[in-house]
C-alpha atoms as a PDB file:
ATOM      1  CA  UNK A   1     216.683 134.998 163.813  1.00  0.00           C
ATOM      2  CA  UNK A   2     214.801 136.927 166.536  1.00  0.00           C
ATOM      3  CA  UNK A   3     211.261 137.844 166.065  1.00  0.00           C
ATOM      4  CA  UNK A   4     210.425 141.493 165.585  1.00  0.00           C
ATOM      5  CA  UNK A   5     209.257 143.021 168.795  1.00  0.00           C
ATOM      6  CA  UNK A   6     205.807 144.749 168.653  1.00  0.00           C
ATOM      7  CA  UNK A   7     204.356 147.350 170.981  1.00  0.00           C
ATOM      8  CA  UNK A   8     202.252 145.796 173.639  1.00  0.00           C
ATOM      9  CA  UNK A   9     198.883 147.270 174.813  1.00  0.00           C
ATOM     10  CA  UNK A  10     198.898 146.949 178.643  1.00  0.00           C
ATOM     11  CA  UNK A  11     195.345 147.181 180.056  1.00  0.00           C
ATOM     12  CA  UNK A  12     194.793 147.010 183.820  1.00  0.00           C
ATOM     13  CA  UNK A  13     192.274 144.307 184.621  1.00  0.00           C
ATOM     14  CA  UNK A  14     192.715 142.193 181.530  1.00  0.00           C
ATOM     15  CA  UNK A  15     193.140 138.371 181.709  1.00  0.00           C
ATOM     16  CA  UNK A  16     195.611 136.577 179.591  1.00  0.00           C
ATOM     17  CA  UNK A  17     196.950 133.179 178.586  1.00  0.00           C
ATOM     18  CA  UNK A  18     200.771 133.406 178.686  1.00  0.00           C
ATOM     19  CA  UNK A  19     203.327 131.117 176.994  1.00  0.00           C
ATOM     20  CA  UNK A  20     207.035 131.197 177.177  1.00  0.00           C
ATOM     21  CA  UNK A  21     209.371 128.710 175.477  1.00  0.00           C
ATOM     22  CA  UNK A  22     212.855 127.567 176.191  1.00  0.00           C
ATOM     23  CA  UNK A  23     215.590 128.256 173.554  1.00  0.00           C
ATOM     24  CA  UNK A  24     215.482 125.780 170.704  1.00  0.00           C
ATOM     25  CA  UNK A  25     212.630 124.130 172.648  1.00  0.00           C
ATOM     26  CA  UNK A  26     215.178 122.235 174.836  1.00  0.00           C
ATOM     27  CA  UNK A  27     213.986 120.522 177.967  1.00  0.00           C
ATOM     28  CA  UNK A  28     215.739 122.881 180.299  1.00  0.00           C
ATOM     29  CA  UNK A  29     212.869 123.034 182.671  1.00  0.00           C
ATOM     30  CA  UNK A  30     212.702 119.266 183.086  1.00  0.00           C
ATOM     31  CA  UNK A  31     210.939 118.602 186.479  1.00  0.00           C
ATOM     32  CA  UNK A  32     213.067 118.106 189.549  1.00  0.00           C
ATOM     33  CA  UNK A  33     212.619 119.201 193.156  1.00  0.00           C
ATOM     34  CA  UNK A  34     215.279 121.835 192.505  1.00  0.00           C
ATOM     35  CA  UNK A  35     213.727 123.253 189.333  1.00  0.00           C
ATOM     36  CA  UNK A  36     210.188 123.065 190.740  1.00  0.00           C
ATOM     37  CA  UNK A  37     211.197 125.146 193.812  1.00  0.00           C
ATOM     38  CA  UNK A  38     212.919 127.750 191.669  1.00  0.00           C
ATOM     39  CA  UNK A  39     209.954 128.162 189.296  1.00  0.00           C
ATOM     40  CA  UNK A  40     207.302 128.246 192.173  1.00  0.00           C
ATOM     41  CA  UNK A  41     209.375 130.721 194.196  1.00  0.00           C
ATOM     42  CA  UNK A  42     210.083 133.154 191.355  1.00  0.00           C
ATOM     43  CA  UNK A  43     206.452 132.923 190.245  1.00  0.00           C
ATOM     44  CA  UNK A  44     205.148 133.640 193.707  1.00  0.00           C
ATOM     45  CA  UNK A  45     207.521 136.657 194.313  1.00  0.00           C
ATOM     46  CA  UNK A  46     206.803 138.098 190.821  1.00  0.00           C
ATOM     47  CA  UNK A  47     203.086 138.035 191.407  1.00  0.00           C
ATOM     48  CA  UNK A  48     203.404 139.496 194.899  1.00  0.00           C
ATOM     49  CA  UNK A  49     205.535 142.359 193.692  1.00  0.00           C
ATOM     50  CA  UNK A  50     203.427 143.362 190.682  1.00  0.00           C
ATOM     51  CA  UNK A  51     199.930 142.535 191.911  1.00  0.00           C
ATOM     52  CA  UNK A  52     199.373 140.051 189.011  1.00  0.00           C
ATOM     53  CA  UNK A  53     196.810 137.460 189.934  1.00  0.00           C
ATOM     54  CA  UNK A  54     197.522 133.810 189.084  1.00  0.00           C
ATOM     55  CA  UNK A  55     194.678 131.526 188.104  1.00  0.00           C
ATOM     56  CA  UNK A  56     196.313 128.460 186.501  1.00  0.00           C
ATOM     57  CA  UNK A  57     200.053 127.378 185.811  1.00  0.00           C
ATOM     58  CA  UNK A  58     201.901 124.581 184.254  1.00  0.00           C
ATOM     59  CA  UNK A  59     205.642 124.196 183.763  1.00  0.00           C
ATOM     60  CA  UNK A  60     206.388 121.747 181.010  1.00  0.00           C
ATOM     61  CA  UNK A  61     209.940 120.672 180.380  1.00  0.00           C
ATOM     62  CA  UNK A  62     210.470 123.152 177.628  1.00  0.00           C
ATOM     63  CA  UNK A  63     207.816 125.836 177.992  1.00  0.00           C
ATOM     64  CA  UNK A  64     205.510 127.527 180.563  1.00  0.00           C
ATOM     65  CA  UNK A  65     201.718 128.084 180.387  1.00  0.00           C
ATOM     66  CA  UNK A  66     199.736 130.366 182.737  1.00  0.00           C
ATOM     67  CA  UNK A  67     196.429 132.191 182.998  1.00  0.00           C
ATOM     68  CA  UNK A  68     196.797 135.529 184.914  1.00  0.00           C
ATOM     69  CA  UNK A  69     194.950 138.803 185.395  1.00  0.00           C
ATOM     70  CA  UNK A  70     196.912 141.986 185.223  1.00  0.00           C
ATOM     71  CA  UNK A  71     195.171 143.920 187.952  1.00  0.00           C
ATOM     72  CA  UNK A  72     197.386 147.045 188.016  1.00  0.00           C
ATOM     73  CA  UNK A  73     198.624 147.095 184.438  1.00  0.00           C
ATOM     74  CA  UNK A  74     202.061 145.800 185.324  1.00  0.00           C
ATOM     75  CA  UNK A  75     202.294 142.626 183.175  1.00  0.00           C
ATOM     76  CA  UNK A  76     205.585 143.557 181.547  1.00  0.00           C
ATOM     77  CA  UNK A  77     207.206 143.969 185.030  1.00  0.00           C
ATOM     78  CA  UNK A  78     205.756 140.614 186.041  1.00  0.00           C
ATOM     79  CA  UNK A  79     207.184 138.850 182.997  1.00  0.00           C
ATOM     80  CA  UNK A  80     210.627 140.608 183.125  1.00  0.00           C
ATOM     81  CA  UNK A  81     210.994 139.780 186.895  1.00  0.00           C
ATOM     82  CA  UNK A  82     209.760 136.143 186.657  1.00  0.00           C
ATOM     83  CA  UNK A  83     211.631 135.193 183.506  1.00  0.00           C
ATOM     84  CA  UNK A  84     214.858 136.815 184.441  1.00  0.00           C
ATOM     85  CA  UNK A  85     215.188 135.240 187.963  1.00  0.00           C
ATOM     86  CA  UNK A  86     214.068 131.805 186.659  1.00  0.00           C
ATOM     87  CA  UNK A  87     216.743 131.970 183.966  1.00  0.00           C
ATOM     88  CA  UNK A  88     219.419 132.993 186.321  1.00  0.00           C
ATOM     89  CA  UNK A  89     218.599 130.392 189.040  1.00  0.00           C
ATOM     90  CA  UNK A  90     218.022 127.507 186.532  1.00  0.00           C
ATOM     91  CA  UNK A  91     221.182 128.200 184.681  1.00  0.00           C
ATOM     92  CA  UNK A  92     223.125 128.296 187.930  1.00  0.00           C
ATOM     93  CA  UNK A  93     221.551 124.989 188.986  1.00  0.00           C
ATOM     94  CA  UNK A  94     222.467 123.491 185.666  1.00  0.00           C
ATOM     95  CA  UNK A  95     225.964 124.984 185.398  1.00  0.00           C
ATOM     96  CA  UNK A  96     225.247 126.738 182.119  1.00  0.00           C
ATOM     97  CA  UNK A  97     225.625 130.332 180.945  1.00  0.00           C
ATOM     98  CA  UNK A  98     223.727 130.467 177.672  1.00  0.00           C
ATOM     99  CA  UNK A  99     220.236 131.916 177.024  1.00  0.00           C
ATOM    100  CA  UNK A 100     217.420 129.846 178.774  1.00  0.00           C
ATOM    101  CA  UNK A 101     214.545 131.424 176.907  1.00  0.00           C
ATOM    102  CA  UNK A 102     213.810 131.571 173.176  1.00  0.00           C
ATOM    103  CA  UNK A 103     214.392 135.033 171.593  1.00  0.00           C
ATOM    104  CA  UNK A 104     210.723 135.410 170.648  1.00  0.00           C
ATOM    105  CA  UNK A 105     208.391 137.622 172.750  1.00  0.00           C
ATOM    106  CA  UNK A 106     206.207 135.967 175.383  1.00  0.00           C
ATOM    107  CA  UNK A 107     202.928 134.895 173.802  1.00  0.00           C
ATOM    108  CA  UNK A 108     200.212 137.081 175.514  1.00  0.00           C
ATOM    109  CA  UNK A 109     196.629 136.121 174.480  1.00  0.00           C
ATOM    110  CA  UNK A 110     193.821 138.246 175.873  1.00  0.00           C
ATOM    111  CA  UNK A 111     190.868 136.269 177.075  1.00  0.00           C
ATOM    112  CA  UNK A 112     187.259 137.403 177.084  1.00  0.00           C
ATOM    113  CA  UNK A 113     184.299 136.150 179.329  1.00  0.00           C
ATOM    114  CA  UNK A 114     184.059 133.347 181.840  1.00  0.00           C
ATOM    115  CA  UNK A 115     183.691 130.696 179.121  1.00  0.00           C
ATOM    116  CA  UNK A 116     186.940 131.841 177.362  1.00  0.00           C
ATOM    117  CA  UNK A 117     188.822 131.838 180.709  1.00  0.00           C
ATOM    118  CA  UNK A 118     187.514 128.467 181.786  1.00  0.00           C
ATOM    119  CA  UNK A 119     188.576 126.873 178.553  1.00  0.00           C
ATOM    120  CA  UNK A 120     192.096 128.115 178.975  1.00  0.00           C
ATOM    121  CA  UNK A 121     192.282 127.194 182.681  1.00  0.00           C
ATOM    122  CA  UNK A 122     191.553 123.577 181.596  1.00  0.00           C
ATOM    123  CA  UNK A 123     193.893 123.847 178.608  1.00  0.00           C
ATOM    124  CA  UNK A 124     196.840 124.813 180.820  1.00  0.00           C
ATOM    125  CA  UNK A 125     196.357 122.174 183.418  1.00  0.00           C
ATOM    126  CA  UNK A 126     195.670 119.397 180.845  1.00  0.00           C
ATOM    127  CA  UNK A 127     198.898 120.148 178.953  1.00  0.00           C
ATOM    128  CA  UNK A 128     200.967 117.308 180.333  1.00  0.00           C
ATOM    129  CA  UNK A 129     198.262 114.763 179.302  1.00  0.00           C
ATOM    130  CA  UNK A 130     197.640 116.404 175.948  1.00  0.00           C
ATOM    131  CA  UNK A 131     201.359 116.055 175.355  1.00  0.00           C
ATOM    132  CA  UNK A 132     201.272 112.340 176.083  1.00  0.00           C
ATOM    133  CA  UNK A 133     203.439 112.533 179.132  1.00  0.00           C
ATOM    134  CA  UNK A 134     201.026 111.382 181.903  1.00  0.00           C
ATOM    135  CA  UNK A 135     197.496 109.954 181.972  1.00  0.00           C
ATOM    136  CA  UNK A 136     196.251 112.604 184.419  1.00  0.00           C
ATOM    137  CA  UNK A 137     197.528 116.084 185.259  1.00  0.00           C
ATOM    138  CA  UNK A 138     198.026 115.263 188.953  1.00  0.00           C
ATOM    139  CA  UNK A 139     200.611 112.724 187.889  1.00  0.00           C
ATOM    140  CA  UNK A 140     202.784 115.457 186.403  1.00  0.00           C
ATOM    141  CA  UNK A 141     205.931 115.874 188.521  1.00  0.00           C
ATOM    142  CA  UNK A 142     206.533 119.415 187.572  1.00  0.00           C
ATOM    143  CA  UNK A 143     204.893 122.662 188.797  1.00  0.00           C
ATOM    144  CA  UNK A 144     201.222 122.514 188.042  1.00  0.00           C
ATOM    145  CA  UNK A 145     198.175 124.183 189.615  1.00  0.00           C
ATOM    146  CA  UNK A 146     195.433 121.740 190.821  1.00  0.00           C
ATOM    147  CA  UNK A 147     192.388 123.958 191.553  1.00  0.00           C
ATOM    148  CA  UNK A 148     191.178 127.509 192.064  1.00  0.00           C
ATOM    149  CA  UNK A 149     191.773 128.827 195.575  1.00  0.00           C
ATOM    150  CA  UNK A 150     194.889 126.789 196.064  1.00  0.00           C
ATOM    151  CA  UNK A 151     197.564 128.257 198.285  1.00  0.00           C
ATOM    152  CA  UNK A 152     201.234 127.348 198.759  1.00  0.00           C
ATOM    153  CA  UNK A 153     204.059 128.673 200.792  1.00  0.00           C
ATOM    154  CA  UNK A 154     207.372 128.480 198.994  1.00  0.00           C
ATOM    155  CA  UNK A 155     210.794 128.703 200.575  1.00  0.00           C
ATOM    156  CA  UNK A 156     213.546 130.662 198.866  1.00  0.00           C
ATOM    157  CA  UNK A 157     215.952 128.281 197.103  1.00  0.00           C
ATOM    158  CA  UNK A 158     219.076 128.185 199.160  1.00  0.00           C
ATOM    159  CA  UNK A 159     221.794 128.140 196.454  1.00  0.00           C
ATOM    160  CA  UNK A 160     220.753 130.980 194.049  1.00  0.00           C
ATOM    161  CA  UNK A 161     219.590 133.854 196.136  1.00  0.00           C
ATOM    162  CA  UNK A 162     221.529 135.716 198.821  1.00  0.00           C
ATOM    163  CA  UNK A 163     220.084 135.299 202.335  1.00  0.00           C
ATOM    164  CA  UNK A 164     220.784 138.982 203.041  1.00  0.00           C
ATOM    165  CA  UNK A 165     219.366 140.095 199.655  1.00  0.00           C
ATOM    166  CA  UNK A 166     215.993 141.671 198.777  1.00  0.00           C
ATOM    167  CA  UNK A 167     214.268 138.307 198.038  1.00  0.00           C
ATOM    168  CA  UNK A 168     212.038 137.117 200.952  1.00  0.00           C
ATOM    169  CA  UNK A 169     212.618 133.810 202.789  1.00  0.00           C
ATOM    170  CA  UNK A 170     209.196 132.759 202.021  1.00  0.00           C
ATOM    171  CA  UNK A 171     206.599 133.659 199.298  1.00  0.00           C
ATOM    172  CA  UNK A 172     202.926 132.787 199.031  1.00  0.00           C
ATOM    173  CA  UNK A 173     201.679 131.262 195.830  1.00  0.00           C
ATOM    174  CA  UNK A 174     198.070 131.731 195.334  1.00  0.00           C
ATOM    175  CA  UNK A 175     195.760 130.619 192.447  1.00  0.00           C
ATOM    176  CA  UNK A 176     192.804 132.876 192.802  1.00  0.00           C
ATOM    177  CA  UNK A 177     189.381 132.864 191.317  1.00  0.00           C
ATOM    178  CA  UNK A 178     189.404 134.807 187.936  1.00  0.00           C
ATOM    179  CA  UNK A 179     187.350 138.020 188.007  1.00  0.00           C
ATOM    180  CA  UNK A 180     185.138 136.724 185.180  1.00  0.00           C
ATOM    181  CA  UNK A 181     184.091 133.758 187.393  1.00  0.00           C
ATOM    182  CA  UNK A 182     183.759 135.732 190.706  1.00  0.00           C
ATOM    183  CA  UNK A 183     179.906 135.660 190.453  1.00  0.00           C
ATOM    184  CA  UNK A 184     179.971 131.882 190.499  1.00  0.00           C
ATOM    185  CA  UNK A 185     181.739 131.471 193.765  1.00  0.00           C
ATOM    186  CA  UNK A 186     184.755 129.262 194.442  1.00  0.00           C
ATOM    187  CA  UNK A 187     182.978 125.921 194.798  1.00  0.00           C
ATOM    188  CA  UNK A 188     180.907 126.328 191.592  1.00  0.00           C
ATOM    189  CA  UNK A 189     183.894 127.629 189.636  1.00  0.00           C
ATOM    190  CA  UNK A 190     185.932 124.648 190.606  1.00  0.00           C
ATOM    191  CA  UNK A 191     183.160 122.321 189.673  1.00  0.00           C
ATOM    192  CA  UNK A 192     182.984 123.769 186.236  1.00  0.00           C
ATOM    193  CA  UNK A 193     186.870 123.832 185.986  1.00  0.00           C
ATOM    194  CA  UNK A 194     187.083 120.073 186.984  1.00  0.00           C
ATOM    195  CA  UNK A 195     184.455 119.246 184.370  1.00  0.00           C
ATOM    196  CA  UNK A 196     186.245 121.220 181.588  1.00  0.00           C
ATOM    197  CA  UNK A 197     189.439 119.633 182.586  1.00  0.00           C
ATOM    198  CA  UNK A 198     188.150 116.044 182.539  1.00  0.00           C
ATOM    199  CA  UNK A 199     186.742 116.742 179.109  1.00  0.00           C
ATOM    200  CA  UNK A 200     190.127 117.712 177.722  1.00  0.00           C
ATOM    201  CA  UNK A 201     191.954 114.795 179.452  1.00  0.00           C
ATOM    202  CA  UNK A 202     189.467 112.276 178.030  1.00  0.00           C
ATOM    203  CA  UNK A 203     189.757 113.850 174.584  1.00  0.00           C
ATOM    204  CA  UNK A 204     193.578 113.697 174.797  1.00  0.00           C
ATOM    205  CA  UNK A 205     193.511 110.045 175.920  1.00  0.00           C
ATOM    206  CA  UNK A 206     191.151 109.206 172.984  1.00  0.00           C
ATOM    207  CA  UNK A 207     193.468 110.864 170.478  1.00  0.00           C
ATOM    208  CA  UNK A 208     196.490 109.001 171.828  1.00  0.00           C
ATOM    209  CA  UNK A 209     194.553 105.666 171.796  1.00  0.00           C
ATOM    210  CA  UNK A 210     193.571 106.239 168.220  1.00  0.00           C
ATOM    211  CA  UNK A 211     197.190 106.820 167.225  1.00  0.00           C
ATOM    212  CA  UNK A 212     198.385 103.891 169.179  1.00  0.00           C
ATOM    213  CA  UNK A 213     200.606 106.048 171.313  1.00  0.00           C
ATOM    214  CA  UNK A 214     201.652 105.101 174.862  1.00  0.00           C
ATOM    215  CA  UNK A 215     202.062 107.542 177.774  1.00  0.00           C
ATOM    216  CA  UNK A 216     205.629 108.418 178.438  1.00  0.00           C
ATOM    217  CA  UNK A 217     205.217 108.355 182.224  1.00  0.00           C
ATOM    218  CA  UNK A 218     206.492 110.712 184.988  1.00  0.00           C
ATOM    219  CA  UNK A 219     209.660 108.787 185.719  1.00  0.00           C
ATOM    220  CA  UNK A 220     210.836 108.751 182.133  1.00  0.00           C
ATOM    221  CA  UNK A 221     209.929 112.419 181.725  1.00  0.00           C
ATOM    222  CA  UNK A 222     212.227 113.347 184.671  1.00  0.00           C
ATOM    223  CA  UNK A 223     215.003 111.462 182.992  1.00  0.00           C
ATOM    224  CA  UNK A 224     214.736 113.130 179.500  1.00  0.00           C
ATOM    225  CA  UNK A 225     218.079 114.680 178.489  1.00  0.00           C
ATOM    226  CA  UNK A 226     218.149 118.469 179.089  1.00  0.00           C
ATOM    227  CA  UNK A 227     219.786 118.985 175.600  1.00  0.00           C
ATOM    228  CA  UNK A 228     216.850 117.228 173.909  1.00  0.00           C
ATOM    229  CA  UNK A 229     214.424 119.350 171.939  1.00  0.00           C
ATOM    230  CA  UNK A 230     210.788 118.720 171.188  1.00  0.00           C
ATOM    231  CA  UNK A 231     210.237 116.549 168.082  1.00  0.00           C
ATOM    232  CA  UNK A 232     207.375 118.315 166.586  1.00  0.00           C
ATOM    233  CA  UNK A 233     207.306 121.889 165.087  1.00  0.00           C
ATOM    234  CA  UNK A 234     204.271 122.938 167.208  1.00  0.00           C
ATOM    235  CA  UNK A 235     204.538 126.596 168.099  1.00  0.00           C
ATOM    236  CA  UNK A 236     206.292 127.671 164.946  1.00  0.00           C
ATOM    237  CA  UNK A 237     204.020 126.511 162.221  1.00  0.00           C
ATOM    238  CA  UNK A 238     201.245 129.009 162.947  1.00  0.00           C
ATOM    239  CA  UNK A 239     201.030 132.744 163.949  1.00  0.00           C
ATOM    240  CA  UNK A 240     200.345 133.264 167.663  1.00  0.00           C
ATOM    241  CA  UNK A 241     196.922 134.695 168.046  1.00  0.00           C
ATOM    242  CA  UNK A 242     196.350 137.854 170.069  1.00  0.00           C
ATOM    243  CA  UNK A 243     192.912 137.073 171.368  1.00  0.00           C
ATOM    244  CA  UNK A 244     191.049 134.030 172.467  1.00  0.00           C
ATOM    245  CA  UNK A 245     187.479 135.522 172.581  1.00  0.00           C
ATOM    246  CA  UNK A 246     184.679 133.514 171.147  1.00  0.00           C
ATOM    247  CA  UNK A 247     181.915 136.068 171.374  1.00  0.00           C
ATOM    248  CA  UNK A 248     181.980 137.646 167.887  1.00  0.00           C
ATOM    249  CA  UNK A 249     180.991 141.148 169.097  1.00  0.00           C
ATOM    250  CA  UNK A 250     183.561 141.209 171.936  1.00  0.00           C
ATOM    251  CA  UNK A 251     186.213 139.835 169.663  1.00  0.00           C
ATOM    252  CA  UNK A 252     185.502 142.458 166.980  1.00  0.00           C
ATOM    253  CA  UNK A 253     185.678 145.186 169.635  1.00  0.00           C
ATOM    254  CA  UNK A 254     189.002 143.802 170.954  1.00  0.00           C
ATOM    255  CA  UNK A 255     190.464 143.803 167.519  1.00  0.00           C
ATOM    256  CA  UNK A 256     189.141 147.189 166.701  1.00  0.00           C
ATOM    257  CA  UNK A 257     190.722 148.525 169.923  1.00  0.00           C
ATOM    258  CA  UNK A 258     194.071 146.925 169.222  1.00  0.00           C
ATOM    259  CA  UNK A 259     194.241 148.211 165.661  1.00  0.00           C
ATOM    260  CA  UNK A 260     193.449 151.712 166.826  1.00  0.00           C
ATOM    261  CA  UNK A 261     196.130 151.493 169.482  1.00  0.00           C
ATOM    262  CA  UNK A 262     198.685 150.222 166.903  1.00  0.00           C
ATOM    263  CA  UNK A 263     197.964 153.007 164.449  1.00  0.00           C
ATOM    264  CA  UNK A 264     198.116 155.680 167.049  1.00  0.00           C
ATOM    265  CA  UNK A 265     201.362 154.179 168.433  1.00  0.00           C
ATOM    266  CA  UNK A 266     203.041 154.081 165.076  1.00  0.00           C
ATOM    267  CA  UNK A 267     202.099 157.703 164.335  1.00  0.00           C
ATOM    268  CA  UNK A 268     203.282 158.868 167.839  1.00  0.00           C
ATOM    269  CA  UNK A 269     206.607 156.971 167.520  1.00  0.00           C
ATOM    270  CA  UNK A 270     207.203 158.487 164.094  1.00  0.00           C
ATOM    271  CA  UNK A 271     206.754 161.991 165.511  1.00  0.00           C
ATOM    272  CA  UNK A 272     208.914 161.073 168.629  1.00  0.00           C
ATOM    273  CA  UNK A 273     211.728 159.947 166.375  1.00  0.00           C
ATOM    274  CA  UNK A 274     211.633 163.330 164.604  1.00  0.00           C
ATOM    275  CA  UNK A 275     212.068 165.169 167.842  1.00  0.00           C
ATOM    276  CA  UNK A 276     208.485 165.845 168.977  1.00  0.00           C
ATOM    277  CA  UNK A 277     208.615 165.232 172.717  1.00  0.00           C
ATOM    278  CA  UNK A 278     205.146 166.673 173.356  1.00  0.00           C
ATOM    279  CA  UNK A 279     203.533 163.924 171.276  1.00  0.00           C
ATOM    280  CA  UNK A 280     201.100 161.703 173.251  1.00  0.00           C
ATOM    281  CA  UNK A 281     201.323 157.976 172.838  1.00  0.00           C
ATOM    282  CA  UNK A 282     198.015 156.071 173.235  1.00  0.00           C
ATOM    283  CA  UNK A 283     196.798 154.902 176.509  1.00  0.00           C
ATOM    284  CA  UNK A 284     198.164 151.482 177.387  1.00  0.00           C
ATOM    285  CA  UNK A 285     201.672 152.198 175.931  1.00  0.00           C
ATOM    286  CA  UNK A 286     204.289 150.700 178.300  1.00  0.00           C
ATOM    287  CA  UNK A 287     207.870 150.917 177.259  1.00  0.00           C
ATOM    288  CA  UNK A 288     208.009 154.419 175.921  1.00  0.00           C
ATOM    289  CA  UNK A 289     206.270 155.715 179.030  1.00  0.00           C
ATOM    290  CA  UNK A 290     208.487 153.670 181.458  1.00  0.00           C
ATOM    291  CA  UNK A 291     211.862 154.003 179.696  1.00  0.00           C
ATOM    292  CA  UNK A 292     211.542 157.429 178.091  1.00  0.00           C
ATOM    293  CA  UNK A 293     208.878 159.128 180.166  1.00  0.00           C
ATOM    294  CA  UNK A 294     206.778 159.747 177.068  1.00  0.00           C
ATOM    295  CA  UNK A 295     203.257 161.245 177.636  1.00  0.00           C
ATOM    296  CA  UNK A 296     200.257 158.889 177.247  1.00  0.00           C
ATOM    297  CA  UNK A 297     196.566 159.612 176.837  1.00  0.00           C
ATOM    298  CA  UNK A 298     194.089 161.056 174.347  1.00  0.00           C
ATOM    299  CA  UNK A 299     195.603 163.365 171.740  1.00  0.00           C
ATOM    300  CA  UNK A 300     195.629 167.079 172.741  1.00  0.00           C
ATOM    301  CA  UNK A 301     193.799 169.746 170.598  1.00  0.00           C
ATOM    302  CA  UNK A 302     195.903 171.147 167.837  1.00  0.00           C
ATOM    303  CA  UNK A 303     198.469 173.501 169.237  1.00  0.00           C
ATOM    304  CA  UNK A 304     198.077 172.207 172.778  1.00  0.00           C
ATOM    305  CA  UNK A 305     201.174 171.503 174.986  1.00  0.00           C
ATOM    306  CA  UNK A 306     202.014 168.442 176.952  1.00  0.00           C
END
């Protein structure tokens, strides 16, 4: 059964942790040169076209993690473009036609200050080690960012995009410094990132050792059957959080803003359904504005027009 879709508050300049899972948590993104090129190319083009800044990324065999900043307030465009093109190209490469992605919405978790962002940068890159697949993130054979400031030039996959089409022959993949860490400078930010990453990697190794678990290894990971699904029920046992903000006051303010947006949206949508096309949806409304040209902004005084 598909998850109920909720309105999304789109805020220019916000930084997020994003997660998208494959259908039935199957290993359809299992690392290979072909799959890696498709993911990197689509990610680079999606970011270039929407102005979304990439900070960290990891493609696991059955899900994706990333930390991004939505500079222009175009995150839904980024997600739609990236996920659609990855799905089409991966399915073509595998000779399949069914859905690639799970029917649930992409998990979009808003981050707060530099400490919140740093923690999630390390979380994303440490994912393969935390999952028991490799002893160190750099051993992971899938797409994974290594450091802030990293640049890659990715060539268009030959078999899935028309040479005369709108997709460029090359795209540049940049992992830029998050705005919350800009005051630190690139060298200091990477120093803190590597330290946080090492802490998570060491903690993951300690947990695995305590449980007597061996690392699967990159070679075995690349041979895992595509039809296989993850054994644990992680990801479905708890509700996805909307914020990862540790500062109590900032978290309280973010929750207050979200609840205010949701209440205003529900009221505006109710009036819209009853034929009121002058109603204003709250600032940050995306789909109603884009698909139906609904007005957005502060409510007008009683009796005012659109």
